[in-house]
Amino acid sequence: MTRFSADALARTTTLRQLQILVAVARHGGYTRAAEALHLTQPTVSMQVKKLSNHIGLPLFEQRGKKLQLTMAGRKTLEASRDILSRLELLGGEISSLTGEMKGELHIAVVTTAKYFMPHLLGIFVQRYPEVQPRLFVTNREKVLQRLSDGEDDLLIMGKVPEELAVEATPFLDNDLVVIAPPGHRLAKKRAIPLKQLLQERFLLREPGSGTRLAMDKLFTDKNLVLEPYMELGSIEAIKQAVMAGLGISVMSEHNLRLELDSGKICVLDVKGFPLRRHWFAVHASDHKLSLVARTFLDFIRDEGSLILHE
């Protein structure tokens, strides 16, 4: 890009247009982006069109029912995210100069972490009332996509991605246990061999979830083949199915407090379990954390386990 065109772009492009572009790309369309930004759909469409005119090339193209970024759109999106990220970081640095703990905190978590992360966020915000938390709960695949796109300050997951350059801080034990309904025939058995579980109807999360990956690895390492009786897409669905007597499953103990306390689910004594894992707070290696994000990371690392075990 020539200096003239760069200067022209700087004069005509607004930060709001960059925010709108990021939202349209994230939500895959104008309507959902408009809802997320509390704008009208024509306004979002018009601002993208203006930005496209400033760039001199179309940013999106319609392929069937899908709206997809063009090459120019991908380049502009990358620059937009970088600019907005730098501004957010600047805000944090200015706050740190004044000693103020304020600003947004963007956290994305895999679905299994939704049972404890709101509690930790709640206590953190009580200490720092001017922090504005933004919590996004989704599956592992989408969390990894958000990590690649740099959409969040921190990602909370049980398995650190090996294919990405990240920094990962363990902050909480994540014990996986075998669960069954209280009246299950194995409920009072001790030291149940892992192989014996193959005789049971096993309820598992969908392929790709952190718990499923851990289970597949465990059985593969023991030269055992685990054939799921049912694959279910949520923790709640699995818990309900176990309570209904449809089978047994494996789940993080953090997700079972209410059911264990009320006696609706029991933990089986299986050799090799609990399967000890950890929850990690993850961010890209080249991503500089804001003051708020650094403070929250220190908070969950130093106090998270104590708070959740009170």
Protein backbone atom coordinates (compact mmCIF):
# COMPACT_ATOMS: atom_id res chain seq x y z
CA MET A 1 0.00 0.00 0.00
CA THR A 2 1.41 3.41 -0.92
CA ARG A 3 1.86 6.15 1.63
CA PHE A 4 -0.90 8.10 -0.10
CA SER A 5 -3.39 5.24 0.11
CA ALA A 6 -2.38 4.50 3.69
CA ASP A 7 -2.95 8.13 4.63
CA ALA A 8 -6.29 8.11 2.82
CA LEU A 9 -7.31 4.94 4.62
CA ALA A 10 -6.37 6.47 7.98
CA ARG A 11 -8.50 9.53 7.23
CA THR A 12 -11.59 7.65 6.09
CA THR A 13 -11.65 4.48 8.20
CA THR A 14 -13.22 4.51 11.67
CA LEU A 15 -12.57 2.19 14.59
CA ARG A 16 -16.30 1.40 14.65
CA GLN A 17 -16.02 0.05 11.11
CA LEU A 18 -13.20 -2.22 12.21
CA GLN A 19 -15.30 -3.44 15.17
CA ILE A 20 -18.20 -4.14 12.82
CA LEU A 21 -15.99 -6.08 10.41
CA VAL A 22 -14.69 -8.24 13.26
CA ALA A 23 -18.25 -8.89 14.45
CA VAL A 24 -19.54 -9.84 10.98
CA ALA A 25 -16.62 -12.25 10.50
CA ARG A 26 -17.14 -13.74 13.96
CA HIS A 27 -20.89 -14.24 13.62
CA GLY A 28 -20.89 -15.19 9.95
CA GLY A 29 -23.41 -12.63 8.80
CA TYR A 30 -24.83 -9.13 9.11
CA THR A 31 -27.95 -9.97 11.09
CA ARG A 32 -26.26 -11.78 13.99
CA ALA A 33 -23.48 -9.19 14.07
CA ALA A 34 -26.08 -6.43 14.28
CA GLU A 35 -27.77 -8.17 17.20
CA ALA A 36 -24.46 -8.57 19.02
CA LEU A 37 -23.56 -4.90 18.47
CA HIS A 38 -27.10 -3.60 19.19
CA LEU A 39 -27.25 -2.01 15.75
CA THR A 40 -29.64 -2.39 12.85
CA GLN A 41 -28.76 -4.77 10.05
CA PRO A 42 -28.74 -1.99 7.39
CA THR A 43 -26.29 0.02 9.53
CA VAL A 44 -23.90 -2.93 9.78
CA SER A 45 -24.16 -3.64 6.06
CA MET A 46 -23.61 0.01 5.18
CA GLN A 47 -20.51 0.34 7.38
CA VAL A 48 -18.94 -2.79 5.88
CA LYS A 49 -19.67 -1.41 2.42
CA LYS A 50 -18.00 1.90 3.33
CA LEU A 51 -14.93 0.08 4.67
CA SER A 52 -14.82 -2.01 1.52
CA ASN A 53 -14.90 1.18 -0.57
CA HIS A 54 -12.04 2.61 1.50
CA ILE A 55 -9.99 -0.56 0.94
CA GLY A 56 -10.85 -0.61 -2.75
CA LEU A 57 -11.79 -4.30 -2.81
CA PRO A 58 -14.78 -6.36 -1.62
CA LEU A 59 -14.30 -7.78 1.89
CA PHE A 60 -17.00 -10.47 1.73
CA GLU A 61 -18.50 -12.63 -0.95
CA GLN A 62 -21.69 -14.65 -0.93
CA ARG A 63 -21.22 -18.37 -1.54
CA GLY A 64 -24.61 -20.00 -1.50
CA LYS A 65 -26.12 -19.11 1.85
CA LYS A 66 -22.74 -18.42 3.45
CA LEU A 67 -20.96 -15.09 3.72
CA GLN A 68 -17.22 -15.60 3.36
CA LEU A 69 -14.23 -13.30 3.63
CA THR A 70 -12.30 -12.53 0.48
CA MET A 71 -8.50 -12.43 0.56
CA ALA A 72 -8.71 -8.65 1.09
CA GLY A 73 -11.25 -9.27 3.82
CA ARG A 74 -8.96 -11.70 5.64
CA LYS A 75 -6.06 -9.25 5.50
CA THR A 76 -8.29 -6.40 6.73
CA LEU A 77 -9.72 -8.59 9.49
CA GLU A 78 -6.23 -9.49 10.70
CA ALA A 79 -5.22 -5.81 10.79
CA SER A 80 -8.50 -4.85 12.50
CA ARG A 81 -8.01 -7.37 15.27
CA ASP A 82 -4.45 -6.19 15.75
CA ILE A 83 -5.48 -2.53 15.97
CA LEU A 84 -8.36 -3.18 18.37
CA SER A 85 -6.19 -5.46 20.50
CA ARG A 86 -3.50 -2.78 20.74
CA LEU A 87 -6.10 -0.20 21.80
CA GLU A 88 -7.44 -2.53 24.48
CA LEU A 89 -3.90 -3.14 25.71
CA LEU A 90 -3.28 0.60 25.74
CA GLY A 91 -6.33 1.08 27.93
CA GLY A 92 -4.98 -1.46 30.39
CA GLU A 93 -1.56 0.16 30.43
CA ILE A 94 -3.06 3.59 31.06
CA SER A 95 -5.08 2.11 33.92
CA SER A 96 -1.95 0.56 35.38
CA LEU A 97 -0.24 3.98 35.36
CA THR A 98 -3.04 5.37 37.48
CA GLY A 99 -3.24 2.26 39.66
CA GLU A 100 -6.82 1.59 38.57
CA MET A 101 -8.07 -1.94 38.01
CA LYS A 102 -10.72 -1.43 35.36
CA GLY A 103 -11.63 -2.53 31.86
CA GLU A 104 -12.97 -5.58 30.07
CA LEU A 105 -11.82 -9.13 30.76
CA HIS A 106 -12.56 -11.60 27.95
CA ILE A 107 -12.54 -15.25 29.01
CA ALA A 108 -13.50 -18.22 26.81
CA VAL A 109 -14.00 -21.60 28.48
CA VAL A 110 -14.79 -25.12 27.35
CA THR A 111 -18.24 -26.23 28.46
CA THR A 112 -16.94 -28.37 31.33
CA ALA A 113 -15.46 -25.26 32.98
CA LYS A 114 -18.77 -23.42 33.12
CA TYR A 115 -19.53 -25.00 36.49
CA PHE A 116 -16.78 -23.17 38.37
CA MET A 117 -15.56 -20.23 36.27
CA PRO A 118 -18.59 -17.96 36.98
CA HIS A 119 -17.93 -18.43 40.71
CA LEU A 120 -14.29 -17.37 40.35
CA LEU A 121 -15.24 -14.43 38.14
CA GLY A 122 -17.88 -13.35 40.65
CA ILE A 123 -15.39 -13.16 43.52
CA PHE A 124 -12.84 -11.39 41.31
CA VAL A 125 -15.38 -8.73 40.31
CA GLN A 126 -16.35 -8.24 43.96
CA ARG A 127 -12.74 -7.25 44.60
CA TYR A 128 -12.46 -5.15 41.46
CA PRO A 129 -15.95 -3.74 40.73
CA GLU A 130 -14.82 -1.74 37.71
CA VAL A 131 -13.72 -4.86 35.82
CA GLN A 132 -16.23 -5.89 33.16
CA PRO A 133 -16.09 -9.67 32.61
CA ARG A 134 -17.06 -11.20 29.28
CA LEU A 135 -17.49 -14.98 29.54
CA PHE A 136 -17.88 -17.12 26.41
CA VAL A 137 -18.74 -20.82 26.85
CA THR A 138 -18.36 -23.21 23.93
CA ASN A 139 -16.82 -26.51 22.85
CA ARG A 140 -13.11 -27.17 22.58
CA GLU A 141 -12.98 -26.73 18.81
CA LYS A 142 -14.44 -23.23 18.96
CA VAL A 143 -12.28 -22.28 21.94
CA LEU A 144 -9.20 -23.20 19.91
CA GLN A 145 -10.51 -21.14 16.99
CA ARG A 146 -10.99 -18.16 19.30
CA LEU A 147 -7.44 -18.71 20.56
CA SER A 148 -6.10 -18.67 17.00
CA ASP A 149 -8.12 -15.53 16.22
CA GLY A 150 -6.95 -13.72 19.37
CA GLU A 151 -10.48 -12.94 20.51
CA ASP A 152 -9.96 -13.40 24.26
CA ASP A 153 -7.54 -12.54 27.04
CA LEU A 154 -7.48 -16.05 28.49
CA LEU A 155 -8.82 -19.46 27.50
CA ILE A 156 -9.74 -22.06 30.13
CA MET A 157 -9.32 -25.69 29.06
CA GLY A 158 -8.28 -29.08 30.34
CA LYS A 159 -5.88 -30.03 27.55
CA VAL A 160 -3.28 -27.60 26.24
CA PRO A 161 -3.10 -27.52 22.43
CA GLU A 162 0.25 -28.83 21.24
CA GLU A 163 -0.15 -27.43 17.73
CA LEU A 164 -0.26 -23.77 18.84
CA ALA A 165 2.37 -21.53 20.45
CA VAL A 166 0.82 -20.83 23.84
CA GLU A 167 1.63 -20.17 27.46
CA ALA A 168 -0.38 -22.37 29.82
CA THR A 169 -0.73 -21.90 33.57
CA PRO A 170 -2.19 -24.80 35.62
CA PHE A 171 -4.42 -23.45 38.35
CA LEU A 172 -6.82 -26.19 39.44
CA ASP A 173 -6.91 -29.98 39.72
CA ASN A 174 -9.33 -31.60 37.30
CA ASP A 175 -10.03 -35.11 38.54
CA LEU A 176 -11.99 -37.32 36.14
CA VAL A 177 -14.10 -39.95 37.88
CA VAL A 178 -16.29 -42.82 36.72
CA ILE A 179 -19.94 -42.19 37.58
CA ALA A 180 -23.03 -44.36 37.76
CA PRO A 181 -26.54 -44.27 39.25
CA PRO A 182 -26.51 -45.15 43.00
CA GLY A 183 -28.17 -48.53 42.46
CA HIS A 184 -25.66 -49.71 39.86
CA ARG A 185 -24.34 -53.25 40.33
CA LEU A 186 -20.75 -51.95 40.59
CA ALA A 187 -21.58 -49.19 43.09
CA LYS A 188 -20.27 -51.16 46.10
CA LYS A 189 -17.37 -52.89 44.35
CA ARG A 190 -13.78 -51.92 45.07
CA ALA A 191 -10.78 -51.70 42.74
CA ILE A 192 -12.85 -52.43 39.63
CA PRO A 193 -10.55 -53.39 36.70
CA LEU A 194 -10.65 -50.92 33.82
CA LYS A 195 -11.35 -53.77 31.41
CA GLN A 196 -14.56 -54.59 33.26
CA LEU A 197 -16.00 -51.23 32.25
CA LEU A 198 -16.11 -52.45 28.66
CA GLN A 199 -19.02 -54.66 29.68
CA GLU A 200 -21.04 -51.59 30.66
CA ARG A 201 -23.05 -49.21 28.54
CA PHE A 202 -20.70 -46.24 28.24
CA LEU A 203 -22.04 -42.73 27.74
CA LEU A 204 -19.45 -40.35 26.27
CA ARG A 205 -19.09 -36.79 25.07
CA GLU A 206 -18.73 -36.15 21.36
CA PRO A 207 -15.31 -36.77 19.72
CA GLY A 208 -12.99 -33.81 20.19
CA SER A 209 -14.06 -32.85 23.71
CA GLY A 210 -11.30 -32.77 26.33
CA THR A 211 -12.83 -35.55 28.43
CA ARG A 212 -13.35 -37.74 25.37
CA LEU A 213 -9.73 -37.24 24.30
CA ALA A 214 -8.54 -38.26 27.77
CA MET A 215 -10.73 -41.37 27.77
CA ASP A 216 -9.72 -42.46 24.28
CA LYS A 217 -6.05 -42.09 25.21
CA LEU A 218 -6.46 -44.04 28.46
CA PHE A 219 -8.10 -47.03 26.80
CA THR A 220 -5.75 -46.93 23.81
CA ASP A 221 -2.72 -46.96 26.14
CA LYS A 222 -4.15 -50.10 27.77
CA ASN A 223 -4.79 -51.71 24.36
CA LEU A 224 -8.52 -51.60 25.00
CA VAL A 225 -11.22 -50.47 22.58
CA LEU A 226 -13.98 -48.37 24.09
CA GLU A 227 -17.22 -48.50 22.12
CA PRO A 228 -19.65 -45.82 23.31
CA TYR A 229 -23.24 -46.88 23.89
CA MET A 230 -24.33 -43.27 23.33
CA GLU A 231 -22.56 -40.05 22.42
CA LEU A 232 -24.08 -36.95 23.96
CA GLY A 233 -23.28 -33.31 23.26
CA SER A 234 -23.44 -31.83 26.76
CA ILE A 235 -22.53 -32.55 30.35
CA GLU A 236 -26.11 -32.07 31.49
CA ALA A 237 -27.37 -34.62 28.98
CA ILE A 238 -24.84 -37.18 30.23
CA LYS A 239 -25.74 -36.55 33.88
CA GLN A 240 -29.43 -36.97 33.16
CA ALA A 241 -28.77 -40.15 31.19
CA VAL A 242 -26.67 -41.61 34.01
CA MET A 243 -29.33 -40.76 36.59
CA ALA A 244 -31.92 -42.39 34.34
CA GLY A 245 -29.91 -45.64 34.35
CA LEU A 246 -28.90 -45.55 30.70
CA GLY A 247 -25.26 -46.26 31.48
CA ILE A 248 -22.06 -45.08 33.14
CA SER A 249 -19.73 -42.25 32.19
CA VAL A 250 -16.59 -40.30 33.06
CA MET A 251 -16.79 -36.70 34.17
CA SER A 252 -14.85 -33.99 35.99
CA GLU A 253 -15.59 -34.11 39.70
CA HIS A 254 -16.04 -30.33 39.65
CA ASN A 255 -19.19 -30.82 37.59
CA LEU A 256 -20.86 -33.18 40.05
CA ARG A 257 -21.19 -31.33 43.34
CA LEU A 258 -24.98 -31.14 43.44
CA GLU A 259 -25.55 -34.68 42.19
CA LEU A 260 -23.03 -36.22 44.60
CA ASP A 261 -24.32 -34.23 47.58
CA SER A 262 -27.91 -35.24 46.82
CA GLY A 263 -27.00 -38.90 46.22
CA LYS A 264 -28.36 -38.93 42.66
CA ILE A 265 -25.02 -40.08 41.23
CA CYS A 266 -22.23 -42.15 42.74
CA VAL A 267 -18.52 -42.47 41.93
CA LEU A 268 -17.26 -45.96 41.07
CA ASP A 269 -13.99 -47.21 42.54
CA VAL A 270 -12.09 -48.05 39.35
CA LYS A 271 -8.38 -48.86 39.14
CA GLY A 272 -6.48 -45.92 37.69
CA PHE A 273 -9.11 -43.40 38.76
CA PRO A 274 -9.47 -40.58 39.57
CA LEU A 275 -7.67 -39.64 36.39
CA ARG A 276 -5.64 -36.64 37.53
CA ARG A 277 -5.58 -33.75 35.09
CA HIS A 278 -5.45 -29.97 35.45
CA TRP A 279 -7.33 -26.92 34.34
CA PHE A 280 -5.14 -24.48 32.46
CA ALA A 281 -5.39 -20.77 31.73
CA VAL A 282 -4.01 -20.38 28.22
CA HIS A 283 -3.05 -17.47 26.00
CA ALA A 284 -1.02 -17.10 22.82
CA SER A 285 2.71 -16.76 23.48
CA ASP A 286 2.88 -13.49 21.54
CA HIS A 287 -0.15 -12.00 23.29
CA LYS A 288 0.73 -9.47 25.98
CA LEU A 289 -1.77 -9.64 28.82
CA SER A 290 -3.46 -6.50 30.05
CA LEU A 291 -3.21 -5.52 33.71
CA VAL A 292 -6.70 -6.92 34.34
CA ALA A 293 -5.91 -10.23 32.64
CA ARG A 294 -2.58 -10.58 34.47
CA THR A 295 -4.26 -9.87 37.80
CA PHE A 296 -7.01 -12.41 37.10
CA LEU A 297 -4.45 -15.02 36.08
CA ASP A 298 -2.56 -14.48 39.35
CA PHE A 299 -5.86 -14.66 41.24
CA ILE A 300 -6.98 -18.04 39.89
CA ARG A 301 -3.46 -19.49 40.13
CA ASP A 302 -2.97 -18.46 43.76
CA GLU A 303 -6.52 -18.70 45.12
CA GLY A 304 -8.70 -20.63 42.68
CA SER A 305 -8.30 -24.03 44.31
CA LEU A 306 -8.81 -22.70 47.83
CA ILE A 307 -11.97 -20.83 46.85
CA LEU A 308 -13.57 -23.78 45.07
CA HIS A 309 -12.80 -26.22 47.89
CA GLU A 310 -14.26 -24.04 50.66
